[in-house]
Amino acid sequence: MLHVDIDVWIWYTVLTDSVDFREDAMPKELTVREAALRLGVTPRVVAGWVRRGYFPGAYKLGLGRNSPFRIPEEAVKAFDAKRRDLDQV
């Protein structure tokens, strides 16, 4: 019989039951290139939009000047919807 400390088992149960580790539960983040493909523009245009703050939640992976950006998929969808609404006016 395997001996498991009851305190460890309780903490493991609490932590794993309260956190959803499924990949589909995690918010999807896009690279600048992926966002550009979805929006039909060049990556350079998307990088400029990120710098101007058009995508809430976008961030750089590092501190360097050439560090890549990550953009939340929901921010790209919201931006695209607003852009399409403006095109229809």
Protein backbone atom coordinates (compact mmCIF):
# COMPACT_ATOMS: atom_id res chain seq x y z
CA MET A 1 0.00 0.00 0.00
CA LEU A 2 1.30 3.44 -0.96
CA HIS A 3 1.61 5.82 1.94
CA VAL A 4 0.59 9.37 1.09
CA ASP A 5 0.78 12.11 3.66
CA ILE A 6 -2.79 13.34 4.16
CA ASP A 7 -1.73 17.01 4.18
CA VAL A 8 0.02 16.64 0.83
CA TRP A 9 -3.01 14.88 -0.63
CA ILE A 10 -5.37 17.61 0.62
CA TRP A 11 -3.22 20.41 -0.82
CA TYR A 12 -2.82 18.58 -4.12
CA THR A 13 -6.58 18.09 -4.35
CA VAL A 14 -7.30 21.73 -3.51
CA LEU A 15 -4.81 23.05 -6.04
CA THR A 16 -5.69 20.76 -8.93
CA ASP A 17 -9.45 21.07 -8.45
CA SER A 18 -9.43 24.87 -8.36
CA VAL A 19 -7.18 25.44 -11.37
CA ASP A 20 -8.22 24.50 -14.89
CA PHE A 21 -5.10 23.15 -16.61
CA ARG A 22 -6.78 22.28 -19.91
CA GLU A 23 -5.14 23.91 -22.90
CA ASP A 24 -8.47 25.16 -24.26
CA ALA A 25 -9.08 26.97 -20.95
CA MET A 26 -5.97 29.10 -21.38
CA PRO A 27 -6.34 32.38 -23.28
CA LYS A 28 -4.81 32.10 -26.75
CA GLU A 29 -2.04 34.51 -27.63
CA LEU A 30 -0.94 35.33 -31.16
CA THR A 31 2.36 36.41 -32.60
CA VAL A 32 2.55 39.59 -34.65
CA ARG A 33 2.69 37.48 -37.82
CA GLU A 34 -0.39 35.44 -36.87
CA ALA A 35 -2.34 38.61 -36.03
CA ALA A 36 -1.26 40.17 -39.34
CA LEU A 37 -2.54 37.14 -41.27
CA ARG A 38 -5.90 37.34 -39.52
CA LEU A 39 -6.22 41.08 -40.10
CA GLY A 40 -4.95 41.08 -43.69
CA VAL A 41 -2.08 43.51 -43.08
CA THR A 42 1.70 43.24 -42.76
CA PRO A 43 3.42 42.32 -39.49
CA ARG A 44 5.03 45.76 -39.47
CA VAL A 45 1.59 47.41 -39.37
CA VAL A 46 0.47 45.16 -36.49
CA ALA A 47 3.67 45.88 -34.54
CA GLY A 48 2.95 49.60 -34.92
CA TRP A 49 -0.60 49.11 -33.67
CA VAL A 50 0.74 47.18 -30.67
CA ARG A 51 3.13 50.02 -29.84
CA ARG A 52 0.24 52.50 -30.06
CA GLY A 53 -1.80 50.41 -27.61
CA TYR A 54 -4.56 49.21 -29.95
CA PHE A 55 -4.47 45.68 -28.46
CA PRO A 56 -5.17 45.62 -24.70
CA GLY A 57 -3.10 42.99 -22.93
CA ALA A 58 -0.36 42.79 -25.59
CA TYR A 59 3.14 42.49 -24.17
CA LYS A 60 6.76 41.86 -25.11
CA LEU A 61 8.36 38.54 -24.23
CA GLY A 62 11.61 40.18 -23.16
CA LEU A 63 13.21 43.50 -22.39
CA GLY A 64 15.24 43.82 -25.58
CA ARG A 65 14.40 46.10 -28.46
CA ASN A 66 13.79 43.16 -30.78
CA SER A 67 11.83 41.03 -28.33
CA PRO A 68 8.68 39.61 -29.91
CA PHE A 69 5.18 40.70 -28.94
CA ARG A 70 2.32 38.46 -27.86
CA ILE A 71 -1.23 39.65 -28.49
CA PRO A 72 -4.36 38.18 -26.87
CA GLU A 73 -6.59 36.60 -29.50
CA GLU A 74 -9.65 38.31 -28.00
CA ALA A 75 -7.98 41.72 -28.45
CA VAL A 76 -7.36 40.96 -32.14
CA LYS A 77 -10.98 39.85 -32.61
CA ALA A 78 -12.29 43.00 -30.89
CA PHE A 79 -9.98 45.24 -32.94
CA ASP A 80 -11.06 43.54 -36.18
CA ALA A 81 -14.75 43.93 -35.29
CA LYS A 82 -14.29 47.66 -34.58
CA ARG A 83 -12.34 48.08 -37.80
CA ARG A 84 -15.06 46.34 -39.82
CA ASP A 85 -17.74 48.53 -38.20
CA LEU A 86 -15.82 51.65 -39.20
CA ASP A 87 -15.45 50.37 -42.76
CA GLN A 88 -19.23 49.98 -43.06
CA VAL A 89 -19.98 53.56 -42.02
